[in-house]
Amino acid sequence: MDASAVVPGHFHSPLKVVLSTIAGFWLLGATPLEGQLQSVPTYSFSAWLPGLTIGAEYGRDFKSAEALAHHVGLRGYYRIGRFGVGGAAGFRSAGTGSHLQLGGSGAVRLWSPLGERGALTLETGIGYLESGTAAQAATYLSVPVVLSLGLGEFAVGDRKLRPWVAARVQASRVKFARALLNQYGMGASAGMAVDLVGPAGLHLAADVSRRGERRLQGAVLFGGTRFTLGVGVYGNFRLGGQGG
């Protein structure tokens, strides 16, 4: 199992800020982040355009002492005006096979200090994962509450870049055999969406969190500092003549 498993018995340029943060997280290469979904960053609504956005994504944890967990899945958002909803589904592999995980989220734009592309957004959601073997199956429920800020829109040649940063608190509930453990922590993430050709684009993000260790009824839920990285592609489709 990975480090998040239950074990029995035991203002420079905003664009430069985001790029340096992502590069730093990549070089650190460490353990998985349990945000809304495990082994994939907690993405921000701040980067997404109005309308329907659908994409595919890949996330990966890095830790030499354990199996390298990774996630492959699909993600979708629908945003209209100040509000947005989203959903995600994919398969996470972490040394005990591949397991389906699901997530749903909602967001509301609170303030737009940098205009439409620079909104301060409040987001929350829930993620579900059941992993492990039949004898040691664990069920995870994760609920992050996220405050994110879009850092505007930047043109680099023919490309448009929309970087963002976010901070969150999160609660996780894990059920393992007869043990039910709650774990709390905080985290931060940074990333950007890059418009490529037509409705298609690329998104990438890095994430770090800190959680405390929990012990109950002979089970251990490990804590510590965790890192993960994610990359994906998306398509944005305006519905009914939606504008920015």
C-alpha atoms as a PDB file:
ATOM      1  CA  MET A   1       0.000   0.000   0.000  1.00  0.00           C
ATOM      2  CA  ASP A   2       1.075   3.612  -0.388  1.00  0.00           C
ATOM      3  CA  ALA A   3       1.673   6.066   2.467  1.00  0.00           C
ATOM      4  CA  SER A   4      -1.955   7.156   2.537  1.00  0.00           C
ATOM      5  CA  ALA A   5      -3.244   3.629   3.171  1.00  0.00           C
ATOM      6  CA  VAL A   6      -4.516   2.214   6.424  1.00  0.00           C
ATOM      7  CA  VAL A   7      -2.170  -0.415   7.806  1.00  0.00           C
ATOM      8  CA  PRO A   8      -3.355  -2.925  10.411  1.00  0.00           C
ATOM      9  CA  GLY A   9      -1.499  -3.241  13.711  1.00  0.00           C
ATOM     10  CA  HIS A  10       0.925  -0.477  13.487  1.00  0.00           C
ATOM     11  CA  PHE A  11       3.404  39.505  -6.420  1.00  0.00           C
ATOM     12  CA  HIS A  12       6.544  38.797  -8.894  1.00  0.00           C
ATOM     13  CA  SER A  13       5.046  37.900 -12.269  1.00  0.00           C
ATOM     14  CA  PRO A  14       2.108  35.575 -11.551  1.00  0.00           C
ATOM     15  CA  LEU A  15       3.162  33.395 -14.479  1.00  0.00           C
ATOM     16  CA  LYS A  16       6.716  33.062 -13.105  1.00  0.00           C
ATOM     17  CA  VAL A  17       5.335  32.198  -9.665  1.00  0.00           C
ATOM     18  CA  VAL A  18       3.267  29.316 -11.046  1.00  0.00           C
ATOM     19  CA  LEU A  19       6.026  28.023 -13.345  1.00  0.00           C
ATOM     20  CA  SER A  20       8.624  28.045 -10.582  1.00  0.00           C
ATOM     21  CA  THR A  21       6.197  26.361  -8.171  1.00  0.00           C
ATOM     22  CA  ILE A  22       5.446  23.551 -10.634  1.00  0.00           C
ATOM     23  CA  ALA A  23       9.142  23.078 -11.425  1.00  0.00           C
ATOM     24  CA  GLY A  24      10.010  22.991  -7.738  1.00  0.00           C
ATOM     25  CA  PHE A  25       7.375  20.357  -6.995  1.00  0.00           C
ATOM     26  CA  TRP A  26       8.606  18.255  -9.920  1.00  0.00           C
ATOM     27  CA  LEU A  27      12.198  18.285  -8.620  1.00  0.00           C
ATOM     28  CA  LEU A  28      11.086  17.421  -5.090  1.00  0.00           C
ATOM     29  CA  GLY A  29       9.316  14.280  -6.287  1.00  0.00           C
ATOM     30  CA  ALA A  30       7.791  12.727  -3.166  1.00  0.00           C
ATOM     31  CA  THR A  31       4.629  10.994  -1.958  1.00  0.00           C
ATOM     32  CA  PRO A  32       0.940  11.080  -2.983  1.00  0.00           C
ATOM     33  CA  LEU A  33      -1.532  13.771  -2.236  1.00  0.00           C
ATOM     34  CA  GLU A  34      -4.980  12.805  -1.129  1.00  0.00           C
ATOM     35  CA  GLY A  35      -7.111  15.711  -2.266  1.00  0.00           C
ATOM     36  CA  GLN A  36     -10.529  15.110  -3.760  1.00  0.00           C
ATOM     37  CA  LEU A  37      -9.118  12.237  -5.813  1.00  0.00           C
ATOM     38  CA  GLN A  38      -5.905  10.456  -4.885  1.00  0.00           C
ATOM     39  CA  SER A  39      -2.745  10.621  -7.002  1.00  0.00           C
ATOM     40  CA  VAL A  40      -4.016  13.607  -8.980  1.00  0.00           C
ATOM     41  CA  PRO A  41      -3.896  17.316  -8.002  1.00  0.00           C
ATOM     42  CA  THR A  42      -6.904  19.211  -6.692  1.00  0.00           C
ATOM     43  CA  TYR A  43      -7.592  21.367  -9.751  1.00  0.00           C
ATOM     44  CA  SER A  44      -9.060  24.854  -9.574  1.00  0.00           C
ATOM     45  CA  PHE A  45     -12.188  26.114 -11.307  1.00  0.00           C
ATOM     46  CA  SER A  46     -10.390  29.460 -11.714  1.00  0.00           C
ATOM     47  CA  ALA A  47      -8.662  28.320 -14.912  1.00  0.00           C
ATOM     48  CA  TRP A  48     -11.704  26.987 -16.753  1.00  0.00           C
ATOM     49  CA  LEU A  49     -13.606  28.873 -19.432  1.00  0.00           C
ATOM     50  CA  PRO A  50     -17.389  29.314 -19.488  1.00  0.00           C
ATOM     51  CA  GLY A  51     -19.324  26.452 -21.025  1.00  0.00           C
ATOM     52  CA  LEU A  52     -18.573  22.754 -20.978  1.00  0.00           C
ATOM     53  CA  THR A  53     -14.977  21.568 -20.550  1.00  0.00           C
ATOM     54  CA  ILE A  54     -14.146  17.867 -20.968  1.00  0.00           C
ATOM     55  CA  GLY A  55     -10.686  16.403 -20.615  1.00  0.00           C
ATOM     56  CA  ALA A  56      -8.450  13.418 -19.949  1.00  0.00           C
ATOM     57  CA  GLU A  57      -5.793  13.516 -17.252  1.00  0.00           C
ATOM     58  CA  TYR A  58      -2.836  11.676 -15.768  1.00  0.00           C
ATOM     59  CA  GLY A  59      -1.504  12.099 -12.237  1.00  0.00           C
ATOM     60  CA  ARG A  60       1.428  10.464 -10.479  1.00  0.00           C
ATOM     61  CA  ASP A  61       2.994  10.230  -7.037  1.00  0.00           C
ATOM     62  CA  PHE A  62       6.719   9.931  -6.480  1.00  0.00           C
ATOM     63  CA  LYS A  63       8.323   7.985  -3.629  1.00  0.00           C
ATOM     64  CA  SER A  64      11.260   5.641  -4.047  1.00  0.00           C
ATOM     65  CA  ALA A  65      10.464   3.537  -0.961  1.00  0.00           C
ATOM     66  CA  GLU A  66       7.010   2.514  -2.182  1.00  0.00           C
ATOM     67  CA  ALA A  67       5.090   1.619  -5.311  1.00  0.00           C
ATOM     68  CA  LEU A  68       4.578   4.653  -7.557  1.00  0.00           C
ATOM     69  CA  ALA A  69       0.839   5.306  -7.523  1.00  0.00           C
ATOM     70  CA  HIS A  70      -0.731   6.887 -10.578  1.00  0.00           C
ATOM     71  CA  HIS A  71      -4.178   7.901 -11.824  1.00  0.00           C
ATOM     72  CA  VAL A  72      -5.638   7.901 -15.351  1.00  0.00           C
ATOM     73  CA  GLY A  73      -9.095   9.320 -15.868  1.00  0.00           C
ATOM     74  CA  LEU A  74     -11.595  11.765 -17.327  1.00  0.00           C
ATOM     75  CA  ARG A  75     -12.759  15.093 -15.927  1.00  0.00           C
ATOM     76  CA  GLY A  76     -15.539  17.491 -16.888  1.00  0.00           C
ATOM     77  CA  TYR A  77     -16.692  20.956 -15.818  1.00  0.00           C
ATOM     78  CA  TYR A  78     -19.683  23.066 -16.626  1.00  0.00           C
ATOM     79  CA  ARG A  79     -19.456  26.767 -15.816  1.00  0.00           C
ATOM     80  CA  ILE A  80     -22.108  29.440 -16.277  1.00  0.00           C
ATOM     81  CA  GLY A  81     -21.819  32.906 -14.786  1.00  0.00           C
ATOM     82  CA  ARG A  82     -20.479  32.743 -11.220  1.00  0.00           C
ATOM     83  CA  PHE A  83     -21.201  29.047 -10.729  1.00  0.00           C
ATOM     84  CA  GLY A  84     -19.648  25.785 -11.819  1.00  0.00           C
ATOM     85  CA  VAL A  85     -20.027  22.054 -11.266  1.00  0.00           C
ATOM     86  CA  GLY A  86     -17.661  19.243 -12.140  1.00  0.00           C
ATOM     87  CA  GLY A  87     -17.133  15.520 -12.057  1.00  0.00           C
ATOM     88  CA  ALA A  88     -14.202  13.132 -12.430  1.00  0.00           C
ATOM     89  CA  ALA A  89     -13.675   9.395 -12.735  1.00  0.00           C
ATOM     90  CA  GLY A  90     -10.611   7.272 -13.268  1.00  0.00           C
ATOM     91  CA  PHE A  91      -8.494   4.350 -12.200  1.00  0.00           C
ATOM     92  CA  ARG A  92      -5.756   4.575  -9.574  1.00  0.00           C
ATOM     93  CA  SER A  93      -2.985   1.999  -9.344  1.00  0.00           C
ATOM     94  CA  ALA A  94      -0.816   1.778  -6.225  1.00  0.00           C
ATOM     95  CA  GLY A  95       0.724  -1.672  -5.994  1.00  0.00           C
ATOM     96  CA  THR A  96      -2.530  -3.487  -5.094  1.00  0.00           C
ATOM     97  CA  GLY A  97      -4.138  -3.413  -8.521  1.00  0.00           C
ATOM     98  CA  SER A  98      -6.176  -0.752 -10.274  1.00  0.00           C
ATOM     99  CA  HIS A  99      -9.197   0.740  -8.502  1.00  0.00           C
ATOM    100  CA  LEU A 100     -11.979   3.044  -9.689  1.00  0.00           C
ATOM    101  CA  GLN A 101     -12.272   6.418  -7.969  1.00  0.00           C
ATOM    102  CA  LEU A 102     -15.028   8.991  -8.434  1.00  0.00           C
ATOM    103  CA  GLY A 103     -15.440  12.660  -7.559  1.00  0.00           C
ATOM    104  CA  GLY A 104     -17.884  15.546  -7.804  1.00  0.00           C
ATOM    105  CA  SER A 105     -17.397  19.250  -7.082  1.00  0.00           C
ATOM    106  CA  GLY A 106     -19.046  22.652  -7.117  1.00  0.00           C
ATOM    107  CA  ALA A 107     -17.763  26.222  -7.123  1.00  0.00           C
ATOM    108  CA  VAL A 108     -18.904  29.813  -6.803  1.00  0.00           C
ATOM    109  CA  ARG A 109     -16.954  32.904  -7.873  1.00  0.00           C
ATOM    110  CA  LEU A 110     -16.686  35.303  -4.945  1.00  0.00           C
ATOM    111  CA  TRP A 111     -14.716  38.222  -6.365  1.00  0.00           C
ATOM    112  CA  SER A 112     -12.960  39.195  -9.602  1.00  0.00           C
ATOM    113  CA  PRO A 113     -10.023  41.472  -8.695  1.00  0.00           C
ATOM    114  CA  LEU A 114      -8.232  40.723 -11.987  1.00  0.00           C
ATOM    115  CA  GLY A 115     -11.290  40.570 -14.194  1.00  0.00           C
ATOM    116  CA  GLU A 116     -13.048  37.523 -15.615  1.00  0.00           C
ATOM    117  CA  ARG A 117      -9.866  35.416 -15.773  1.00  0.00           C
ATOM    118  CA  GLY A 118      -8.693  36.408 -12.289  1.00  0.00           C
ATOM    119  CA  ALA A 119     -11.553  35.314 -10.070  1.00  0.00           C
ATOM    120  CA  LEU A 120     -11.362  34.370  -6.410  1.00  0.00           C
ATOM    121  CA  THR A 121     -13.378  31.156  -6.166  1.00  0.00           C
ATOM    122  CA  LEU A 122     -14.701  29.004  -3.336  1.00  0.00           C
ATOM    123  CA  GLU A 123     -14.869  25.305  -4.185  1.00  0.00           C
ATOM    124  CA  THR A 124     -15.744  22.050  -2.480  1.00  0.00           C
ATOM    125  CA  GLY A 125     -16.402  18.461  -3.463  1.00  0.00           C
ATOM    126  CA  ILE A 126     -16.161  14.831  -2.477  1.00  0.00           C
ATOM    127  CA  GLY A 127     -14.041  11.933  -3.706  1.00  0.00           C
ATOM    128  CA  TYR A 128     -14.556   8.179  -3.267  1.00  0.00           C
ATOM    129  CA  LEU A 129     -12.089   5.319  -3.589  1.00  0.00           C
ATOM    130  CA  GLU A 130     -12.137   1.696  -2.503  1.00  0.00           C
ATOM    131  CA  SER A 131      -8.725   0.042  -2.682  1.00  0.00           C
ATOM    132  CA  GLY A 132      -6.705  -2.862  -1.367  1.00  0.00           C
ATOM    133  CA  THR A 133      -7.216  -6.609  -1.528  1.00  0.00           C
ATOM    134  CA  ALA A 134     -10.389  -8.317  -0.342  1.00  0.00           C
ATOM    135  CA  ALA A 135      -8.777  -9.102   3.016  1.00  0.00           C
ATOM    136  CA  GLN A 136      -7.462  -5.550   3.491  1.00  0.00           C
ATOM    137  CA  ALA A 137      -9.917  -3.362   1.563  1.00  0.00           C
ATOM    138  CA  ALA A 138     -10.117   0.284   2.591  1.00  0.00           C
ATOM    139  CA  THR A 139     -12.776   2.839   1.628  1.00  0.00           C
ATOM    140  CA  TYR A 140     -11.734   6.503   1.357  1.00  0.00           C
ATOM    141  CA  LEU A 141     -13.987   9.574   1.387  1.00  0.00           C
ATOM    142  CA  SER A 142     -12.208  12.902   0.865  1.00  0.00           C
ATOM    143  CA  VAL A 143     -13.758  16.378   1.177  1.00  0.00           C
ATOM    144  CA  PRO A 144     -11.603  19.429   0.342  1.00  0.00           C
ATOM    145  CA  VAL A 145     -12.710  23.047   0.796  1.00  0.00           C
ATOM    146  CA  VAL A 146     -10.663  25.173  -1.597  1.00  0.00           C
ATOM    147  CA  LEU A 147     -10.079  28.904  -2.027  1.00  0.00           C
ATOM    148  CA  SER A 148      -8.476  29.541  -5.418  1.00  0.00           C
ATOM    149  CA  LEU A 149      -7.349  32.619  -7.320  1.00  0.00           C
ATOM    150  CA  GLY A 150      -6.944  32.882 -11.080  1.00  0.00           C
ATOM    151  CA  LEU A 151      -3.921  35.075 -11.904  1.00  0.00           C
ATOM    152  CA  GLY A 152      -5.252  36.490 -15.132  1.00  0.00           C
ATOM    153  CA  GLU A 153      -4.787  35.533 -18.772  1.00  0.00           C
ATOM    154  CA  PHE A 154      -1.463  35.875 -20.591  1.00  0.00           C
ATOM    155  CA  ALA A 155      -0.778  35.714 -24.317  1.00  0.00           C
ATOM    156  CA  VAL A 156       2.423  33.951 -25.362  1.00  0.00           C
ATOM    157  CA  GLY A 157       2.523  34.034 -29.129  1.00  0.00           C
ATOM    158  CA  ASP A 158      -0.723  32.494 -30.305  1.00  0.00           C
ATOM    159  CA  ARG A 159      -1.269  30.723 -26.985  1.00  0.00           C
ATOM    160  CA  LYS A 160      -3.321  31.906 -24.014  1.00  0.00           C
ATOM    161  CA  LEU A 161      -2.194  30.874 -20.533  1.00  0.00           C
ATOM    162  CA  ARG A 162      -4.371  31.045 -17.402  1.00  0.00           C
ATOM    163  CA  PRO A 163      -2.330  30.340 -14.241  1.00  0.00           C
ATOM    164  CA  TRP A 164      -3.899  29.867 -10.807  1.00  0.00           C
ATOM    165  CA  VAL A 165      -2.995  29.161  -7.199  1.00  0.00           C
ATOM    166  CA  ALA A 166      -5.145  27.601  -4.470  1.00  0.00           C
ATOM    167  CA  ALA A 167      -5.138  26.736  -0.775  1.00  0.00           C
ATOM    168  CA  ARG A 168      -7.411  24.307   1.027  1.00  0.00           C
ATOM    169  CA  VAL A 169      -8.355  22.459   4.144  1.00  0.00           C
ATOM    170  CA  GLN A 170      -9.537  18.872   3.785  1.00  0.00           C
ATOM    171  CA  ALA A 171     -11.100  16.070   5.750  1.00  0.00           C
ATOM    172  CA  SER A 172     -10.767  12.374   4.950  1.00  0.00           C
ATOM    173  CA  ARG A 173     -12.657   9.408   6.347  1.00  0.00           C
ATOM    174  CA  VAL A 174     -11.211   5.931   5.932  1.00  0.00           C
ATOM    175  CA  LYS A 175     -12.969   2.680   6.768  1.00  0.00           C
ATOM    176  CA  PHE A 176     -10.779  -0.366   7.194  1.00  0.00           C
ATOM    177  CA  ALA A 177     -12.153  -3.618   8.652  1.00  0.00           C
ATOM    178  CA  ARG A 178     -13.734  -2.485  11.939  1.00  0.00           C
ATOM    179  CA  ALA A 179     -11.783   0.770  12.158  1.00  0.00           C
ATOM    180  CA  LEU A 180     -13.196   4.136  11.062  1.00  0.00           C
ATOM    181  CA  LEU A 181     -10.657   6.945  11.083  1.00  0.00           C
ATOM    182  CA  ASN A 182     -10.976  10.663  10.341  1.00  0.00           C
ATOM    183  CA  GLN A 183      -7.951  12.630   9.162  1.00  0.00           C
ATOM    184  CA  TYR A 184      -7.579  16.386   8.668  1.00  0.00           C
ATOM    185  CA  GLY A 185      -5.031  18.445   6.826  1.00  0.00           C
ATOM    186  CA  MET A 186      -4.276  21.416   4.616  1.00  0.00           C
ATOM    187  CA  GLY A 187      -2.805  21.808   1.179  1.00  0.00           C
ATOM    188  CA  ALA A 188      -1.852  24.125  -1.650  1.00  0.00           C
ATOM    189  CA  SER A 189      -1.702  23.763  -5.399  1.00  0.00           C
ATOM    190  CA  ALA A 190      -0.659  25.739  -8.463  1.00  0.00           C
ATOM    191  CA  GLY A 191      -1.111  25.208 -12.155  1.00  0.00           C
ATOM    192  CA  MET A 192      -2.255  26.611 -15.447  1.00  0.00           C
ATOM    193  CA  ALA A 193      -4.471  25.952 -18.437  1.00  0.00           C
ATOM    194  CA  VAL A 194      -3.007  26.580 -21.897  1.00  0.00           C
ATOM    195  CA  ASP A 195      -5.254  27.085 -24.917  1.00  0.00           C
ATOM    196  CA  LEU A 196      -3.701  25.361 -27.948  1.00  0.00           C
ATOM    197  CA  VAL A 197      -5.724  25.012 -31.168  1.00  0.00           C
ATOM    198  CA  GLY A 198      -9.442  25.746 -31.466  1.00  0.00           C
ATOM    199  CA  PRO A 199     -11.266  24.396 -28.400  1.00  0.00           C
ATOM    200  CA  ALA A 200      -8.331  22.173 -27.368  1.00  0.00           C
ATOM    201  CA  GLY A 201      -5.923  22.900 -24.547  1.00  0.00           C
ATOM    202  CA  LEU A 202      -3.446  21.541 -22.025  1.00  0.00           C
ATOM    203  CA  HIS A 203      -3.570  21.751 -18.236  1.00  0.00           C
ATOM    204  CA  LEU A 204      -0.928  20.957 -15.640  1.00  0.00           C
ATOM    205  CA  ALA A 205      -0.696  21.296 -11.880  1.00  0.00           C
ATOM    206  CA  ALA A 206       1.391  20.485  -8.812  1.00  0.00           C
ATOM    207  CA  ASP A 207       0.112  19.948  -5.293  1.00  0.00           C
ATOM    208  CA  VAL A 208       1.417  19.631  -1.732  1.00  0.00           C
ATOM    209  CA  SER A 209      -0.364  18.878   1.542  1.00  0.00           C
ATOM    210  CA  ARG A 210       0.306  18.221   5.209  1.00  0.00           C
ATOM    211  CA  ARG A 211      -1.724  15.791   7.330  1.00  0.00           C
ATOM    212  CA  GLY A 212      -1.458  14.353  10.815  1.00  0.00           C
ATOM    213  CA  GLU A 213      -1.120  10.666  11.625  1.00  0.00           C
ATOM    214  CA  ARG A 214      -4.125   8.876  13.119  1.00  0.00           C
ATOM    215  CA  ARG A 215      -4.221   5.614  15.130  1.00  0.00           C
ATOM    216  CA  LEU A 216      -7.343   3.784  16.216  1.00  0.00           C
ATOM    217  CA  GLN A 217      -8.287   0.195  17.040  1.00  0.00           C
ATOM    218  CA  GLY A 218      -4.967  -1.235  15.904  1.00  0.00           C
ATOM    219  CA  ALA A 219      -4.937   0.635  12.581  1.00  0.00           C
ATOM    220  CA  VAL A 220      -2.643   3.431  11.417  1.00  0.00           C
ATOM    221  CA  LEU A 221      -3.441   6.178   8.896  1.00  0.00           C
ATOM    222  CA  PHE A 222      -0.115   7.753   8.019  1.00  0.00           C
ATOM    223  CA  GLY A 223       0.324  11.518   7.744  1.00  0.00           C
ATOM    224  CA  GLY A 224       3.206  13.732   6.652  1.00  0.00           C
ATOM    225  CA  THR A 225       3.929  16.028   3.727  1.00  0.00           C
ATOM    226  CA  ARG A 226       2.784  14.844   0.312  1.00  0.00           C
ATOM    227  CA  PHE A 227       3.336  15.885  -3.290  1.00  0.00           C
ATOM    228  CA  THR A 228       1.782  14.990  -6.636  1.00  0.00           C
ATOM    229  CA  LEU A 229       1.813  16.171 -10.238  1.00  0.00           C
ATOM    230  CA  GLY A 230      -0.789  16.077 -12.980  1.00  0.00           C
ATOM    231  CA  VAL A 231      -1.131  16.830 -16.684  1.00  0.00           C
ATOM    232  CA  GLY A 232      -4.033  16.565 -19.081  1.00  0.00           C
ATOM    233  CA  VAL A 233      -5.717  17.722 -22.261  1.00  0.00           C
ATOM    234  CA  TYR A 234      -9.152  19.289 -22.606  1.00  0.00           C
ATOM    235  CA  GLY A 235     -11.702  20.685 -25.008  1.00  0.00           C
ATOM    236  CA  ASN A 236     -13.954  23.649 -24.218  1.00  0.00           C
ATOM    237  CA  PHE A 237     -17.354  24.025 -25.840  1.00  0.00           C
ATOM    238  CA  ARG A 238     -19.553  27.118 -25.526  1.00  0.00           C
ATOM    239  CA  LEU A 239     -23.227  26.241 -25.209  1.00  0.00           C
ATOM    240  CA  GLY A 240     -26.019  28.516 -26.367  1.00  0.00           C
ATOM    241  CA  GLY A 241     -23.675  31.350 -27.305  1.00  0.00           C
ATOM    242  CA  GLN A 242     -22.034  31.630 -23.904  1.00  0.00           C
ATOM    243  CA  GLY A 243     -19.434  34.325 -23.663  1.00  0.00           C
ATOM    244  CA  GLY A 244     -16.585  34.898 -21.245  1.00  0.00           C
END
